[in-house]
Amino acid sequence: MRFAVHVQPRAARSEISGVRGDDLRVRLTAPPVEGAANAALVVLLADALGVPKRSVRIVSGESSRAKVVEIDGVDAAAVRRLVPIVP
């Protein structure tokens, strides 16, 4: 499963905060220095989807806030369940 992610580094807390256009919006406490935010993104998505970290790969946008992530072993429905419901 591949999908787009928009990352906001140096946030107050790490969380999946919703959808921005077609992108999953993710806030991370990690700074965008030496791959720290990318590593935090992999951990957050792996934990949220219940897959090992090795199943989560950033396939493009390693030095950008706009990324494309590929995750093995999940489907679109599992990714949609990550998005918080806003009243």
N, C-alpha and C. Protein backbone atom coordinates (compact mmCIF):
# COMPACT_ATOMS: atom_id res chain seq x y z
N MET A 1 0.84 -1.17 0.00
CA MET A 1 0.00 0.00 0.00
C MET A 1 0.89 1.23 0.00
N ARG A 2 0.68 2.12 -0.96
CA ARG A 2 1.41 3.39 -1.01
C ARG A 2 0.44 4.54 -0.81
N PHE A 3 0.89 5.56 -0.07
CA PHE A 3 0.07 6.74 0.12
C PHE A 3 0.96 7.94 0.44
N ALA A 4 0.41 9.13 0.25
CA ALA A 4 1.14 10.37 0.48
C ALA A 4 0.96 10.81 1.93
N VAL A 5 2.02 11.38 2.48
CA VAL A 5 2.02 11.87 3.86
C VAL A 5 2.59 13.28 3.87
N HIS A 6 1.95 14.16 4.63
CA HIS A 6 2.50 15.50 4.87
C HIS A 6 2.95 15.54 6.32
N VAL A 7 4.23 15.81 6.55
CA VAL A 7 4.83 15.76 7.88
C VAL A 7 5.06 17.16 8.42
N GLN A 8 4.71 17.36 9.68
CA GLN A 8 5.03 18.60 10.39
C GLN A 8 6.00 18.24 11.51
N PRO A 9 7.29 18.50 11.33
CA PRO A 9 8.26 18.18 12.39
C PRO A 9 8.22 19.22 13.50
N ARG A 10 8.84 18.88 14.62
CA ARG A 10 8.93 19.74 15.81
C ARG A 10 7.56 20.17 16.34
N ALA A 11 6.60 19.26 16.30
CA ALA A 11 5.27 19.53 16.84
C ALA A 11 5.28 19.28 18.34
N ALA A 12 4.23 19.69 19.00
CA ALA A 12 4.13 19.50 20.45
C ALA A 12 4.02 18.02 20.81
N ARG A 13 3.38 17.23 19.94
CA ARG A 13 3.27 15.79 20.17
C ARG A 13 3.21 15.05 18.83
N SER A 14 3.58 13.79 18.87
CA SER A 14 3.54 12.98 17.66
C SER A 14 2.15 12.36 17.53
N GLU A 15 1.54 12.59 16.37
CA GLU A 15 0.18 12.07 16.16
C GLU A 15 -0.18 12.11 14.69
N ILE A 16 -1.16 11.31 14.34
CA ILE A 16 -1.78 11.38 13.02
C ILE A 16 -2.95 12.34 13.21
N SER A 17 -2.89 13.48 12.52
CA SER A 17 -3.84 14.54 12.83
C SER A 17 -4.96 14.72 11.83
N GLY A 18 -4.97 13.97 10.75
CA GLY A 18 -6.06 14.08 9.80
C GLY A 18 -5.58 13.95 8.37
N VAL A 19 -6.32 14.61 7.49
CA VAL A 19 -6.04 14.55 6.06
C VAL A 19 -5.87 15.97 5.55
N ARG A 20 -4.88 16.16 4.70
CA ARG A 20 -4.64 17.45 4.04
C ARG A 20 -4.69 17.18 2.55
N GLY A 21 -5.78 17.55 1.90
CA GLY A 21 -5.97 17.20 0.49
C GLY A 21 -6.09 15.69 0.40
N ASP A 22 -5.20 15.06 -0.33
CA ASP A 22 -5.16 13.59 -0.42
C ASP A 22 -4.10 12.99 0.48
N ASP A 23 -3.40 13.83 1.24
CA ASP A 23 -2.28 13.37 2.07
C ASP A 23 -2.71 13.11 3.50
N LEU A 24 -2.14 12.08 4.09
CA LEU A 24 -2.29 11.84 5.52
C LEU A 24 -1.42 12.86 6.24
N ARG A 25 -1.97 13.60 7.18
CA ARG A 25 -1.22 14.63 7.88
C ARG A 25 -0.70 14.05 9.20
N VAL A 26 0.62 14.18 9.41
CA VAL A 26 1.27 13.61 10.59
C VAL A 26 2.10 14.68 11.27
N ARG A 27 1.95 14.81 12.57
CA ARG A 27 2.78 15.72 13.37
C ARG A 27 3.78 14.88 14.14
N LEU A 28 5.03 15.34 14.17
CA LEU A 28 6.10 14.62 14.84
C LEU A 28 6.87 15.55 15.77
N THR A 29 7.24 15.06 16.93
CA THR A 29 8.05 15.87 17.85
C THR A 29 9.49 15.95 17.39
N ALA A 30 9.92 15.01 16.59
CA ALA A 30 11.32 14.94 16.14
C ALA A 30 11.65 16.08 15.19
N PRO A 31 12.88 16.58 15.26
CA PRO A 31 13.30 17.63 14.33
C PRO A 31 13.69 17.01 12.98
N PRO A 32 13.66 17.82 11.92
CA PRO A 32 14.04 17.31 10.60
C PRO A 32 15.55 17.32 10.40
N VAL A 33 16.27 16.71 11.31
CA VAL A 33 17.73 16.73 11.29
C VAL A 33 18.24 15.30 11.29
N GLU A 34 19.15 15.00 10.37
CA GLU A 34 19.81 13.69 10.29
C GLU A 34 18.85 12.52 10.28
N GLY A 35 17.70 12.68 9.63
CA GLY A 35 16.75 11.59 9.49
C GLY A 35 15.91 11.30 10.71
N ALA A 36 15.96 12.15 11.73
CA ALA A 36 15.20 11.89 12.96
C ALA A 36 13.70 11.90 12.71
N ALA A 37 13.21 12.85 11.92
CA ALA A 37 11.77 12.91 11.64
C ALA A 37 11.34 11.72 10.79
N ASN A 38 12.16 11.29 9.84
CA ASN A 38 11.83 10.12 9.03
C ASN A 38 11.74 8.86 9.90
N ALA A 39 12.69 8.71 10.80
CA ALA A 39 12.68 7.55 11.70
C ALA A 39 11.44 7.58 12.60
N ALA A 40 11.09 8.76 13.09
CA ALA A 40 9.91 8.89 13.95
C ALA A 40 8.64 8.59 13.17
N LEU A 41 8.60 8.99 11.90
CA LEU A 41 7.44 8.69 11.05
C LEU A 41 7.28 7.19 10.88
N VAL A 42 8.37 6.50 10.59
CA VAL A 42 8.33 5.04 10.42
C VAL A 42 7.81 4.37 11.69
N VAL A 43 8.32 4.77 12.84
CA VAL A 43 7.89 4.18 14.11
C VAL A 43 6.41 4.46 14.37
N LEU A 44 5.98 5.69 14.16
CA LEU A 44 4.59 6.06 14.41
C LEU A 44 3.64 5.26 13.52
N LEU A 45 3.93 5.18 12.23
CA LEU A 45 3.05 4.44 11.32
C LEU A 45 3.07 2.94 11.61
N ALA A 46 4.24 2.39 11.91
CA ALA A 46 4.33 0.96 12.21
C ALA A 46 3.51 0.63 13.46
N ASP A 47 3.65 1.45 14.50
CA ASP A 47 2.88 1.21 15.73
C ASP A 47 1.38 1.36 15.49
N ALA A 48 0.98 2.39 14.76
CA ALA A 48 -0.44 2.65 14.51
C ALA A 48 -1.09 1.54 13.69
N LEU A 49 -0.33 0.95 12.77
CA LEU A 49 -0.89 -0.08 11.90
C LEU A 49 -0.59 -1.50 12.38
N GLY A 50 0.21 -1.63 13.42
CA GLY A 50 0.51 -2.95 13.96
C GLY A 50 1.38 -3.79 13.04
N VAL A 51 2.33 -3.15 12.38
CA VAL A 51 3.25 -3.87 11.51
C VAL A 51 4.67 -3.62 11.99
N PRO A 52 5.63 -4.46 11.64
CA PRO A 52 7.02 -4.21 12.01
C PRO A 52 7.57 -2.97 11.29
N LYS A 53 8.54 -2.32 11.90
CA LYS A 53 9.15 -1.13 11.28
C LYS A 53 9.73 -1.43 9.91
N ARG A 54 10.22 -2.64 9.71
CA ARG A 54 10.82 -2.99 8.41
C ARG A 54 9.78 -3.02 7.29
N SER A 55 8.49 -3.04 7.63
CA SER A 55 7.43 -3.03 6.62
C SER A 55 7.09 -1.64 6.12
N VAL A 56 7.63 -0.61 6.78
CA VAL A 56 7.33 0.78 6.44
C VAL A 56 8.56 1.39 5.76
N ARG A 57 8.36 1.92 4.55
CA ARG A 57 9.45 2.54 3.80
C ARG A 57 9.01 3.90 3.26
N ILE A 58 9.90 4.86 3.32
CA ILE A 58 9.68 6.15 2.67
C ILE A 58 10.27 6.01 1.27
N VAL A 59 9.41 6.03 0.25
CA VAL A 59 9.88 5.80 -1.11
C VAL A 59 10.22 7.09 -1.84
N SER A 60 9.70 8.22 -1.39
CA SER A 60 10.13 9.51 -1.95
C SER A 60 9.88 10.61 -0.93
N GLY A 61 10.66 11.68 -1.05
CA GLY A 61 10.50 12.83 -0.18
C GLY A 61 11.25 12.74 1.14
N GLU A 62 12.38 12.04 1.16
CA GLU A 62 13.11 11.88 2.41
C GLU A 62 13.56 13.20 3.01
N SER A 63 13.78 14.23 2.20
CA SER A 63 14.22 15.52 2.73
C SER A 63 13.13 16.58 2.57
N SER A 64 11.89 16.14 2.44
CA SER A 64 10.77 17.05 2.23
C SER A 64 9.66 16.74 3.23
N ARG A 65 8.77 17.69 3.43
CA ARG A 65 7.60 17.42 4.28
C ARG A 65 6.60 16.54 3.54
N ALA A 66 6.58 16.62 2.22
CA ALA A 66 5.69 15.80 1.40
C ALA A 66 6.41 14.50 1.07
N LYS A 67 5.86 13.39 1.53
CA LYS A 67 6.49 12.09 1.35
C LYS A 67 5.51 11.09 0.76
N VAL A 68 6.05 10.05 0.16
CA VAL A 68 5.26 8.90 -0.24
C VAL A 68 5.79 7.73 0.56
N VAL A 69 4.87 7.05 1.25
CA VAL A 69 5.22 5.95 2.13
C VAL A 69 4.62 4.66 1.58
N GLU A 70 5.38 3.59 1.67
CA GLU A 70 4.90 2.27 1.26
C GLU A 70 4.93 1.37 2.48
N ILE A 71 3.81 0.67 2.70
CA ILE A 71 3.71 -0.22 3.86
C ILE A 71 3.24 -1.57 3.38
N ASP A 72 3.99 -2.59 3.72
CA ASP A 72 3.62 -3.97 3.38
C ASP A 72 2.66 -4.51 4.43
N GLY A 73 1.69 -5.30 3.99
CA GLY A 73 0.82 -6.00 4.92
C GLY A 73 -0.39 -5.23 5.39
N VAL A 74 -0.71 -4.10 4.77
CA VAL A 74 -1.91 -3.35 5.13
C VAL A 74 -2.68 -3.00 3.86
N ASP A 75 -3.97 -2.70 4.04
CA ASP A 75 -4.78 -2.29 2.90
C ASP A 75 -5.29 -0.87 3.12
N ALA A 76 -6.01 -0.35 2.14
CA ALA A 76 -6.50 1.03 2.21
C ALA A 76 -7.43 1.23 3.39
N ALA A 77 -8.23 0.23 3.73
CA ALA A 77 -9.16 0.36 4.85
C ALA A 77 -8.40 0.57 6.16
N ALA A 78 -7.29 -0.11 6.34
CA ALA A 78 -6.49 0.05 7.57
C ALA A 78 -5.92 1.46 7.66
N VAL A 79 -5.50 2.00 6.54
CA VAL A 79 -4.95 3.37 6.54
C VAL A 79 -6.06 4.37 6.81
N ARG A 80 -7.24 4.17 6.24
CA ARG A 80 -8.36 5.08 6.50
C ARG A 80 -8.76 5.08 7.97
N ARG A 81 -8.63 3.97 8.64
CA ARG A 81 -8.97 3.90 10.08
C ARG A 81 -8.02 4.73 10.93
N LEU A 82 -6.86 5.10 10.41
CA LEU A 82 -5.91 5.93 11.15
C LEU A 82 -6.38 7.37 11.30
N VAL A 83 -7.19 7.82 10.36
CA VAL A 83 -7.60 9.22 10.33
C VAL A 83 -8.63 9.47 11.43
N PRO A 84 -8.33 10.42 12.32
CA PRO A 84 -9.29 10.72 13.38
C PRO A 84 -10.56 11.33 12.82
N ILE A 85 -11.67 11.00 13.43
CA ILE A 85 -12.96 11.53 12.99
C ILE A 85 -13.17 12.88 13.67
N VAL A 86 -13.40 13.89 12.85
CA VAL A 86 -13.59 15.23 13.37
C VAL A 86 -15.09 15.55 13.32
N PRO A 87 -15.69 15.92 14.45
CA PRO A 87 -17.14 16.20 14.45
C PRO A 87 -17.49 17.44 13.65
